[in-house]
Amino acid sequence: MPVFTVHTTETAPAAARRTLEGVRNRFGWLPTPVALMADSPQLLTGFLTASAGFEQTDLAPLEREVVILTVATTNECHVCVALHTGKLTQLGATAELITALRAGSALPEPRLEALRRFTLAVVDHRGAVPDDELDGFLTAGYQPRHALDVVLGVGAYTISTFANRLTQAPMDPPLAAHAWTPAA
């Protein structure tokens, strides 16, 4: 028997209903991971608020997706990888870039590779990034503010990836074209 409930706008706790409706309007459907997060309106609101804040950073849309996919693959969230593969495709990212991100391997563009490596350093060192890693990030043309923007992205998408794994969120049919499984 499932522990978590896949909510609708009618079954969700009252504090989550408006949020679910907004997500459904934005996507045109209600993603199951969001419906599962609705068991905790505070978690759902916290994630969506942090995610919206991350979208407003000085990082370009493609750069934000590099951060998100790096967190998603590191935390092995198949739903997040599929969703954000779709976003990368919409942004016109090359197949080479998408393949490398999904594989967790070096990116073809040096600046984006510096961003990916810095994101991994933030995750791996729990924020206590070694000076040489920060220097490499800054040398690639990023500013100190961008380092903090990466922390925001890591935080937001750690919430999402952990919640999706805890609830065992399934792959929704609209994401199936971008299905992903972690390397063995």
Protein backbone atom coordinates (compact mmCIF):
# COMPACT_ATOMS: atom_id res chain seq x y z
CA MET A 1 0.00 0.00 0.00
CA PRO A 2 1.42 3.40 -0.98
CA VAL A 3 2.45 5.70 1.87
CA PHE A 4 2.06 8.96 -0.07
CA THR A 5 -1.06 10.19 -1.83
CA VAL A 6 -1.21 11.40 -5.41
CA HIS A 7 -3.45 14.39 -4.76
CA THR A 8 -5.76 16.32 -7.02
CA THR A 9 -6.89 19.87 -6.40
CA GLU A 10 -9.93 18.34 -4.69
CA THR A 11 -8.11 15.88 -2.40
CA ALA A 12 -5.06 17.95 -1.49
CA PRO A 13 -4.81 19.71 1.85
CA ALA A 14 -6.53 23.09 1.55
CA ALA A 15 -3.20 24.94 1.82
CA ALA A 16 -1.90 23.17 -1.32
CA ARG A 17 -4.93 23.45 -3.59
CA ARG A 18 -4.22 26.87 -5.11
CA THR A 19 -0.60 25.88 -5.69
CA LEU A 20 -1.62 22.67 -7.45
CA GLU A 21 -4.02 24.61 -9.64
CA GLY A 22 -1.24 27.04 -10.58
CA VAL A 23 1.11 24.19 -11.50
CA ARG A 24 -1.59 22.49 -13.55
CA ASN A 25 -2.26 25.75 -15.41
CA ARG A 26 1.47 26.25 -16.07
CA PHE A 27 2.10 22.73 -17.40
CA GLY A 28 -1.32 21.96 -18.85
CA TRP A 29 -1.42 18.88 -16.58
CA LEU A 30 -0.60 18.13 -12.96
CA PRO A 31 2.76 16.34 -12.69
CA THR A 32 2.54 13.38 -10.32
CA PRO A 33 5.63 14.45 -8.33
CA VAL A 34 3.92 17.75 -7.54
CA ALA A 35 0.69 15.94 -6.63
CA LEU A 36 2.73 13.77 -4.23
CA MET A 37 4.47 16.79 -2.66
CA ALA A 38 1.06 18.26 -1.86
CA ASP A 39 0.89 16.04 1.24
CA SER A 40 3.11 18.75 2.71
CA PRO A 41 1.90 22.15 1.49
CA GLN A 42 4.96 23.72 3.12
CA LEU A 43 7.36 21.47 1.20
CA LEU A 44 5.53 22.13 -2.05
CA THR A 45 5.47 25.88 -1.51
CA GLY A 46 9.08 25.90 -0.32
CA PHE A 47 10.30 24.05 -3.40
CA LEU A 48 8.30 26.15 -5.84
CA THR A 49 9.39 29.39 -4.14
CA ALA A 50 13.06 28.39 -4.15
CA SER A 51 12.77 27.24 -7.77
CA ALA A 52 11.14 30.53 -8.79
CA GLY A 53 13.92 32.42 -7.02
CA PHE A 54 16.52 30.38 -8.88
CA GLU A 55 14.81 31.28 -12.17
CA GLN A 56 15.40 34.97 -11.33
CA THR A 57 19.16 34.67 -10.81
CA ASP A 58 21.76 36.12 -13.16
CA LEU A 59 22.56 32.65 -14.50
CA ALA A 60 21.30 32.22 -18.06
CA PRO A 61 18.51 29.66 -18.65
CA LEU A 62 20.96 27.13 -20.11
CA GLU A 63 23.29 27.61 -17.15
CA ARG A 64 20.43 27.05 -14.70
CA GLU A 65 19.57 23.81 -16.47
CA VAL A 66 23.21 22.68 -16.16
CA VAL A 67 22.95 23.19 -12.39
CA ILE A 68 19.59 21.40 -12.21
CA LEU A 69 20.66 18.41 -14.33
CA THR A 70 23.88 18.09 -12.36
CA VAL A 71 21.91 17.91 -9.10
CA ALA A 72 19.30 15.60 -10.63
CA THR A 73 21.82 13.09 -11.96
CA THR A 74 23.92 13.23 -8.80
CA ASN A 75 20.83 12.51 -6.70
CA GLU A 76 19.53 9.99 -9.27
CA CYS A 77 16.10 11.55 -9.74
CA HIS A 78 14.76 10.01 -12.95
CA VAL A 79 11.75 12.35 -13.03
CA CYS A 80 13.89 15.50 -12.71
CA VAL A 81 16.33 14.32 -15.35
CA ALA A 82 13.48 13.63 -17.79
CA LEU A 83 11.71 16.94 -17.13
CA HIS A 84 14.87 19.02 -17.42
CA THR A 85 16.09 17.13 -20.48
CA GLY A 86 12.89 18.38 -22.08
CA LYS A 87 13.66 21.92 -20.94
CA LEU A 88 17.18 21.71 -22.35
CA THR A 89 15.72 20.51 -25.64
CA GLN A 90 13.31 23.47 -25.68
CA LEU A 91 16.26 25.81 -25.05
CA GLY A 92 18.01 24.40 -28.13
CA ALA A 93 20.82 22.66 -26.26
CA THR A 94 22.95 20.39 -28.40
CA ALA A 95 22.54 16.64 -28.20
CA GLU A 96 26.21 16.46 -27.15
CA LEU A 97 25.58 18.73 -24.17
CA ILE A 98 22.44 16.89 -23.10
CA THR A 99 24.12 13.48 -23.42
CA ALA A 100 27.11 14.61 -21.35
CA LEU A 101 24.90 16.10 -18.63
CA ARG A 102 22.77 12.96 -18.42
CA ALA A 103 25.94 10.83 -18.22
CA GLY A 104 27.60 13.08 -15.64
CA SER A 105 30.61 13.52 -17.91
CA ALA A 106 32.63 16.55 -18.98
CA LEU A 107 30.69 19.11 -21.00
CA PRO A 108 31.89 20.19 -24.46
CA GLU A 109 31.83 23.91 -23.59
CA PRO A 110 34.53 24.95 -21.06
CA ARG A 111 32.46 27.62 -19.30
CA LEU A 112 29.53 25.23 -18.77
CA GLU A 113 31.95 22.52 -17.66
CA ALA A 114 33.31 24.93 -15.02
CA LEU A 115 29.72 25.47 -13.86
CA ARG A 116 29.04 21.73 -13.72
CA ARG A 117 32.24 21.08 -11.78
CA PHE A 118 31.48 23.91 -9.35
CA THR A 119 27.95 22.56 -8.82
CA LEU A 120 29.41 19.15 -8.03
CA ALA A 121 31.88 20.77 -5.62
CA VAL A 122 29.03 22.53 -3.80
CA VAL A 123 27.17 19.22 -3.46
CA ASP A 124 30.19 17.06 -2.66
CA HIS A 125 31.68 19.45 -0.10
CA ARG A 126 28.30 20.52 1.33
CA GLY A 127 29.10 24.13 0.50
CA ALA A 128 32.68 24.16 1.84
CA VAL A 129 34.08 24.38 -1.69
CA PRO A 130 37.90 24.23 -1.82
CA ASP A 131 39.56 27.46 -2.95
CA ASP A 132 40.91 25.92 -6.15
CA GLU A 133 37.40 24.83 -7.18
CA LEU A 134 36.01 28.32 -6.53
CA ASP A 135 38.96 29.87 -8.38
CA GLY A 136 38.29 27.65 -11.39
CA PHE A 137 34.67 28.76 -11.41
CA LEU A 138 35.59 32.45 -11.20
CA THR A 139 38.34 32.09 -13.80
CA ALA A 140 35.70 30.74 -16.22
CA GLY A 141 34.04 34.16 -16.05
CA TYR A 142 31.51 33.70 -13.28
CA GLN A 143 31.12 36.20 -10.46
CA PRO A 144 30.91 35.55 -6.69
CA ARG A 145 27.15 36.18 -6.90
CA HIS A 146 26.86 33.27 -9.35
CA ALA A 147 28.45 30.97 -6.77
CA LEU A 148 25.63 31.86 -4.40
CA ASP A 149 23.09 31.43 -7.21
CA VAL A 150 24.41 27.89 -7.66
CA VAL A 151 23.85 27.26 -3.94
CA LEU A 152 20.22 28.37 -4.38
CA GLY A 153 19.80 26.00 -7.33
CA VAL A 154 21.39 23.12 -5.43
CA GLY A 155 19.09 23.77 -2.48
CA ALA A 156 15.92 24.03 -4.54
CA TYR A 157 16.59 20.93 -6.58
CA THR A 158 17.83 18.90 -3.64
CA ILE A 159 14.36 19.44 -2.16
CA SER A 160 12.76 18.21 -5.37
CA THR A 161 15.05 15.25 -5.97
CA PHE A 162 14.83 14.04 -2.38
CA ALA A 163 11.04 14.39 -2.29
CA ASN A 164 10.67 12.57 -5.61
CA ARG A 165 12.85 9.71 -4.44
CA LEU A 166 11.13 9.48 -1.05
CA THR A 167 7.67 9.38 -2.61
CA GLN A 168 8.86 7.10 -5.43
CA ALA A 169 7.36 9.52 -7.92
CA PRO A 170 6.58 7.73 -11.18
CA MET A 171 7.39 8.94 -14.66
CA ASP A 172 4.44 10.80 -16.14
CA PRO A 173 3.63 9.93 -19.78
CA PRO A 174 4.53 13.42 -21.12
CA LEU A 175 8.09 12.87 -19.85
CA ALA A 176 8.56 9.32 -21.19
CA ALA A 177 10.43 10.50 -24.29
CA HIS A 178 13.23 11.71 -22.01
CA ALA A 179 13.30 8.73 -19.60
CA TRP A 180 16.61 8.18 -17.82
CA THR A 181 18.10 5.61 -15.50
CA PRO A 182 21.35 6.10 -13.61
CA ALA A 183 24.43 4.27 -14.77
CA ALA A 184 25.03 1.04 -12.89
